[in-house]
Amino acid sequence: MSWLMLVLAGLLEVCWAVGLKYTQGFTRPLPSALTIAALVVSVYLLSVAARTLPIGTAYAVWVGIGAFGAAVAGIVLFGDPATPARLGFLGLLVLAILGLKLSSP
């Protein structure tokens, strides 16, 4: 159950990271409220997962999911470059996340 909470927390991290783009510096009320809500729930779920998972693993996986998702969202939603090197490093990030999961108690 902790891993499910952690994955959900990571997905919500993607939501709030992308949401920052839509808040326009927190000047737009609805996107700002949704971004803040995603941030709060994401951190809460991380804290729930960290009750039973090692904090280093939980935090690294949370950040990794967020970084991967934000980078992919940037490519898909905002036209960020999808160079071979960038995609390769995103693949390495996925391998690191999976490695942490597989090597965790």
N, C-alpha and C. Protein backbone atom coordinates (compact mmCIF):
# COMPACT_ATOMS: atom_id res chain seq x y z
N MET A 1 0.82 -1.19 0.00
CA MET A 1 0.00 0.00 0.00
C MET A 1 0.87 1.26 0.00
N SER A 2 2.03 1.18 0.66
CA SER A 2 2.93 2.34 0.70
C SER A 2 3.41 2.72 -0.69
N TRP A 3 3.71 1.72 -1.51
CA TRP A 3 4.17 2.02 -2.86
C TRP A 3 3.08 2.67 -3.70
N LEU A 4 1.85 2.23 -3.51
CA LEU A 4 0.72 2.86 -4.22
C LEU A 4 0.59 4.32 -3.81
N MET A 5 0.69 4.58 -2.51
CA MET A 5 0.62 5.96 -2.02
C MET A 5 1.76 6.80 -2.60
N LEU A 6 2.93 6.19 -2.69
CA LEU A 6 4.09 6.91 -3.21
C LEU A 6 3.92 7.22 -4.70
N VAL A 7 3.41 6.28 -5.46
CA VAL A 7 3.19 6.53 -6.89
C VAL A 7 2.13 7.62 -7.06
N LEU A 8 1.06 7.56 -6.29
CA LEU A 8 0.04 8.62 -6.36
C LEU A 8 0.63 9.97 -5.99
N ALA A 9 1.46 9.99 -4.97
CA ALA A 9 2.12 11.24 -4.57
C ALA A 9 2.98 11.77 -5.70
N GLY A 10 3.71 10.89 -6.38
CA GLY A 10 4.55 11.30 -7.50
C GLY A 10 3.73 11.85 -8.66
N LEU A 11 2.60 11.20 -8.94
CA LEU A 11 1.73 11.68 -10.02
C LEU A 11 1.14 13.05 -9.68
N LEU A 12 0.80 13.24 -8.43
CA LEU A 12 0.31 14.56 -8.01
C LEU A 12 1.42 15.61 -8.05
N GLU A 13 2.66 15.17 -7.85
CA GLU A 13 3.77 16.11 -7.98
C GLU A 13 3.86 16.60 -9.42
N VAL A 14 3.64 15.71 -10.36
CA VAL A 14 3.61 16.11 -11.77
C VAL A 14 2.51 17.15 -11.97
N CYS A 15 1.35 16.88 -11.39
CA CYS A 15 0.21 17.81 -11.55
C CYS A 15 0.54 19.20 -11.03
N TRP A 16 1.12 19.27 -9.84
CA TRP A 16 1.38 20.61 -9.31
C TRP A 16 2.55 21.29 -10.01
N ALA A 17 3.52 20.50 -10.47
CA ALA A 17 4.64 21.10 -11.19
C ALA A 17 4.15 21.70 -12.51
N VAL A 18 3.32 20.96 -13.23
CA VAL A 18 2.75 21.47 -14.48
C VAL A 18 1.77 22.61 -14.18
N GLY A 19 1.03 22.46 -13.09
CA GLY A 19 0.07 23.50 -12.70
C GLY A 19 0.72 24.85 -12.49
N LEU A 20 1.96 24.85 -12.05
CA LEU A 20 2.66 26.13 -11.84
C LEU A 20 2.67 26.96 -13.11
N LYS A 21 2.78 26.30 -14.25
CA LYS A 21 2.80 27.00 -15.54
C LYS A 21 1.47 27.72 -15.78
N TYR A 22 0.39 27.11 -15.34
CA TYR A 22 -0.95 27.66 -15.59
C TYR A 22 -1.38 28.71 -14.57
N THR A 23 -0.69 28.79 -13.44
CA THR A 23 -1.09 29.78 -12.42
C THR A 23 -0.70 31.20 -12.79
N GLN A 24 0.26 31.31 -13.71
CA GLN A 24 0.80 32.62 -14.11
C GLN A 24 1.23 33.41 -12.86
N GLY A 25 2.11 32.79 -12.10
CA GLY A 25 2.62 33.44 -10.89
C GLY A 25 1.59 33.54 -9.78
N PHE A 26 0.70 32.58 -9.73
CA PHE A 26 -0.38 32.53 -8.74
C PHE A 26 -1.31 33.75 -8.85
N THR A 27 -1.51 34.21 -10.08
CA THR A 27 -2.45 35.32 -10.32
C THR A 27 -3.79 34.82 -10.83
N ARG A 28 -3.89 33.54 -11.18
CA ARG A 28 -5.14 32.96 -11.66
C ARG A 28 -5.69 32.07 -10.55
N PRO A 29 -6.87 32.42 -9.99
CA PRO A 29 -7.39 31.73 -8.80
C PRO A 29 -7.61 30.22 -8.96
N LEU A 30 -8.31 29.78 -9.98
CA LEU A 30 -8.61 28.35 -10.08
C LEU A 30 -7.36 27.49 -10.31
N PRO A 31 -6.52 27.82 -11.29
CA PRO A 31 -5.30 27.02 -11.42
C PRO A 31 -4.42 27.08 -10.18
N SER A 32 -4.40 28.22 -9.50
CA SER A 32 -3.61 28.35 -8.28
C SER A 32 -4.15 27.43 -7.19
N ALA A 33 -5.47 27.41 -7.01
CA ALA A 33 -6.08 26.56 -5.98
C ALA A 33 -5.84 25.08 -6.28
N LEU A 34 -5.99 24.70 -7.55
CA LEU A 34 -5.77 23.30 -7.91
C LEU A 34 -4.30 22.90 -7.73
N THR A 35 -3.39 23.79 -8.06
CA THR A 35 -1.96 23.52 -7.90
C THR A 35 -1.60 23.36 -6.43
N ILE A 36 -2.10 24.25 -5.60
CA ILE A 36 -1.83 24.17 -4.16
C ILE A 36 -2.42 22.89 -3.57
N ALA A 37 -3.64 22.54 -3.99
CA ALA A 37 -4.27 21.32 -3.49
C ALA A 37 -3.45 20.09 -3.88
N ALA A 38 -2.99 20.04 -5.13
CA ALA A 38 -2.18 18.91 -5.58
C ALA A 38 -0.88 18.84 -4.78
N LEU A 39 -0.29 19.98 -4.50
CA LEU A 39 0.95 20.03 -3.72
C LEU A 39 0.73 19.49 -2.31
N VAL A 40 -0.31 19.93 -1.67
CA VAL A 40 -0.58 19.51 -0.29
C VAL A 40 -0.86 18.00 -0.23
N VAL A 41 -1.70 17.51 -1.13
CA VAL A 41 -2.02 16.08 -1.12
C VAL A 41 -0.79 15.25 -1.49
N SER A 42 0.01 15.73 -2.42
CA SER A 42 1.22 15.02 -2.81
C SER A 42 2.17 14.86 -1.63
N VAL A 43 2.42 15.92 -0.91
CA VAL A 43 3.32 15.86 0.25
C VAL A 43 2.72 14.98 1.35
N TYR A 44 1.41 15.07 1.54
CA TYR A 44 0.75 14.22 2.54
C TYR A 44 0.94 12.74 2.19
N LEU A 45 0.68 12.38 0.94
CA LEU A 45 0.83 10.98 0.53
C LEU A 45 2.28 10.52 0.64
N LEU A 46 3.22 11.41 0.35
CA LEU A 46 4.63 11.08 0.55
C LEU A 46 4.88 10.77 2.02
N SER A 47 4.32 11.57 2.90
CA SER A 47 4.53 11.35 4.34
C SER A 47 3.91 10.03 4.79
N VAL A 48 2.77 9.66 4.21
CA VAL A 48 2.13 8.38 4.55
C VAL A 48 3.02 7.23 4.08
N ALA A 49 3.54 7.33 2.87
CA ALA A 49 4.40 6.27 2.33
C ALA A 49 5.68 6.15 3.15
N ALA A 50 6.19 7.29 3.63
CA ALA A 50 7.45 7.28 4.38
C ALA A 50 7.30 6.69 5.78
N ARG A 51 6.09 6.40 6.20
CA ARG A 51 5.90 5.72 7.49
C ARG A 51 6.52 4.33 7.46
N THR A 52 6.46 3.67 6.29
CA THR A 52 6.96 2.30 6.22
C THR A 52 8.11 2.12 5.24
N LEU A 53 8.30 3.06 4.31
CA LEU A 53 9.42 2.98 3.37
C LEU A 53 10.58 3.82 3.89
N PRO A 54 11.80 3.45 3.55
CA PRO A 54 12.93 4.29 3.93
C PRO A 54 12.77 5.69 3.30
N ILE A 55 13.03 6.73 4.07
CA ILE A 55 12.79 8.09 3.59
C ILE A 55 13.63 8.41 2.36
N GLY A 56 14.87 7.94 2.32
CA GLY A 56 15.71 8.21 1.16
C GLY A 56 15.12 7.61 -0.11
N THR A 57 14.62 6.40 -0.01
CA THR A 57 13.99 5.74 -1.15
C THR A 57 12.70 6.45 -1.53
N ALA A 58 11.86 6.71 -0.53
CA ALA A 58 10.56 7.34 -0.80
C ALA A 58 10.74 8.71 -1.45
N TYR A 59 11.64 9.50 -0.91
CA TYR A 59 11.84 10.85 -1.46
C TYR A 59 12.43 10.79 -2.86
N ALA A 60 13.41 9.93 -3.07
CA ALA A 60 14.04 9.82 -4.38
C ALA A 60 13.04 9.35 -5.44
N VAL A 61 12.22 8.39 -5.10
CA VAL A 61 11.22 7.91 -6.05
C VAL A 61 10.18 8.99 -6.32
N TRP A 62 9.74 9.69 -5.29
CA TRP A 62 8.77 10.78 -5.44
C TRP A 62 9.30 11.86 -6.37
N VAL A 63 10.53 12.28 -6.12
CA VAL A 63 11.15 13.31 -6.96
C VAL A 63 11.36 12.78 -8.38
N GLY A 64 11.77 11.52 -8.50
CA GLY A 64 12.00 10.94 -9.82
C GLY A 64 10.74 10.87 -10.66
N ILE A 65 9.65 10.43 -10.05
CA ILE A 65 8.38 10.39 -10.77
C ILE A 65 7.97 11.81 -11.19
N GLY A 66 8.13 12.75 -10.27
CA GLY A 66 7.79 14.14 -10.58
C GLY A 66 8.64 14.71 -11.69
N ALA A 67 9.94 14.47 -11.63
CA ALA A 67 10.85 15.00 -12.64
C ALA A 67 10.57 14.38 -14.01
N PHE A 68 10.38 13.07 -14.03
CA PHE A 68 10.08 12.39 -15.29
C PHE A 68 8.77 12.90 -15.87
N GLY A 69 7.74 12.93 -15.04
CA GLY A 69 6.42 13.37 -15.51
C GLY A 69 6.41 14.81 -15.97
N ALA A 70 7.09 15.68 -15.23
CA ALA A 70 7.14 17.09 -15.62
C ALA A 70 7.89 17.27 -16.94
N ALA A 71 8.96 16.51 -17.12
CA ALA A 71 9.71 16.61 -18.38
C ALA A 71 8.88 16.11 -19.56
N VAL A 72 8.19 15.00 -19.38
CA VAL A 72 7.34 14.48 -20.44
C VAL A 72 6.18 15.42 -20.71
N ALA A 73 5.58 15.97 -19.67
CA ALA A 73 4.49 16.93 -19.85
C ALA A 73 4.98 18.17 -20.59
N GLY A 74 6.20 18.61 -20.28
CA GLY A 74 6.77 19.75 -20.99
C GLY A 74 6.90 19.48 -22.48
N ILE A 75 7.31 18.26 -22.81
CA ILE A 75 7.44 17.88 -24.22
C ILE A 75 6.07 17.84 -24.89
N VAL A 76 5.12 17.19 -24.23
CA VAL A 76 3.80 16.98 -24.83
C VAL A 76 2.95 18.26 -24.84
N LEU A 77 2.95 18.98 -23.72
CA LEU A 77 2.04 20.13 -23.59
C LEU A 77 2.64 21.45 -24.04
N PHE A 78 3.95 21.61 -23.87
CA PHE A 78 4.54 22.93 -24.08
C PHE A 78 5.59 22.97 -25.18
N GLY A 79 5.74 21.86 -25.88
CA GLY A 79 6.68 21.84 -27.01
C GLY A 79 8.14 21.88 -26.62
N ASP A 80 8.47 21.45 -25.41
CA ASP A 80 9.88 21.36 -25.02
C ASP A 80 10.59 20.39 -25.95
N PRO A 81 11.87 20.58 -26.18
CA PRO A 81 12.58 19.70 -27.12
C PRO A 81 12.66 18.26 -26.62
N ALA A 82 12.51 17.34 -27.55
CA ALA A 82 12.61 15.90 -27.24
C ALA A 82 13.82 15.35 -27.98
N THR A 83 14.99 15.81 -27.57
CA THR A 83 16.22 15.37 -28.23
C THR A 83 16.54 13.94 -27.81
N PRO A 84 17.31 13.25 -28.62
CA PRO A 84 17.68 11.87 -28.24
C PRO A 84 18.38 11.80 -26.88
N ALA A 85 19.25 12.75 -26.60
CA ALA A 85 19.94 12.74 -25.32
C ALA A 85 18.95 12.92 -24.17
N ARG A 86 18.03 13.86 -24.34
CA ARG A 86 17.04 14.10 -23.28
C ARG A 86 16.18 12.87 -23.04
N LEU A 87 15.72 12.24 -24.11
CA LEU A 87 14.92 11.02 -23.96
C LEU A 87 15.74 9.90 -23.34
N GLY A 88 17.00 9.82 -23.69
CA GLY A 88 17.88 8.80 -23.10
C GLY A 88 18.04 8.99 -21.60
N PHE A 89 18.23 10.24 -21.20
CA PHE A 89 18.38 10.49 -19.76
C PHE A 89 17.06 10.28 -19.02
N LEU A 90 15.94 10.55 -19.66
CA LEU A 90 14.65 10.23 -19.04
C LEU A 90 14.51 8.72 -18.86
N GLY A 91 15.01 7.97 -19.83
CA GLY A 91 15.02 6.51 -19.70
C GLY A 91 15.88 6.05 -18.53
N LEU A 92 17.02 6.70 -18.36
CA LEU A 92 17.88 6.38 -17.20
C LEU A 92 17.18 6.71 -15.89
N LEU A 93 16.42 7.77 -15.89
CA LEU A 93 15.66 8.15 -14.68
C LEU A 93 14.64 7.07 -14.33
N VAL A 94 13.96 6.55 -15.34
CA VAL A 94 13.01 5.46 -15.11
C VAL A 94 13.74 4.24 -14.55
N LEU A 95 14.90 3.92 -15.11
CA LEU A 95 15.68 2.79 -14.60
C LEU A 95 16.09 3.01 -13.14
N ALA A 96 16.45 4.24 -12.80
CA ALA A 96 16.83 4.54 -11.41
C ALA A 96 15.63 4.35 -10.47
N ILE A 97 14.47 4.82 -10.90
CA ILE A 97 13.27 4.67 -10.07
C ILE A 97 12.96 3.19 -9.87
N LEU A 98 12.99 2.42 -10.96
CA LEU A 98 12.72 0.99 -10.85
C LEU A 98 13.78 0.29 -10.00
N GLY A 99 15.03 0.70 -10.14
CA GLY A 99 16.09 0.13 -9.34
C GLY A 99 15.88 0.37 -7.86
N LEU A 100 15.44 1.56 -7.51
CA LEU A 100 15.16 1.85 -6.10
C LEU A 100 14.01 0.99 -5.58
N LYS A 101 12.99 0.80 -6.42
CA LYS A 101 11.86 -0.03 -6.02
C LYS A 101 12.32 -1.48 -5.82
N LEU A 102 13.06 -1.99 -6.78
CA LEU A 102 13.47 -3.40 -6.71
C LEU A 102 14.47 -3.68 -5.60
N SER A 103 15.25 -2.69 -5.21
CA SER A 103 16.25 -2.90 -4.17
C SER A 103 15.77 -2.48 -2.78
N SER A 104 14.52 -2.09 -2.69
CA SER A 104 13.96 -1.63 -1.41
C SER A 104 13.35 -2.78 -0.65
N PRO A 105 13.43 -2.71 0.67
CA PRO A 105 12.83 -3.81 1.47
C PRO A 105 11.32 -3.86 1.36
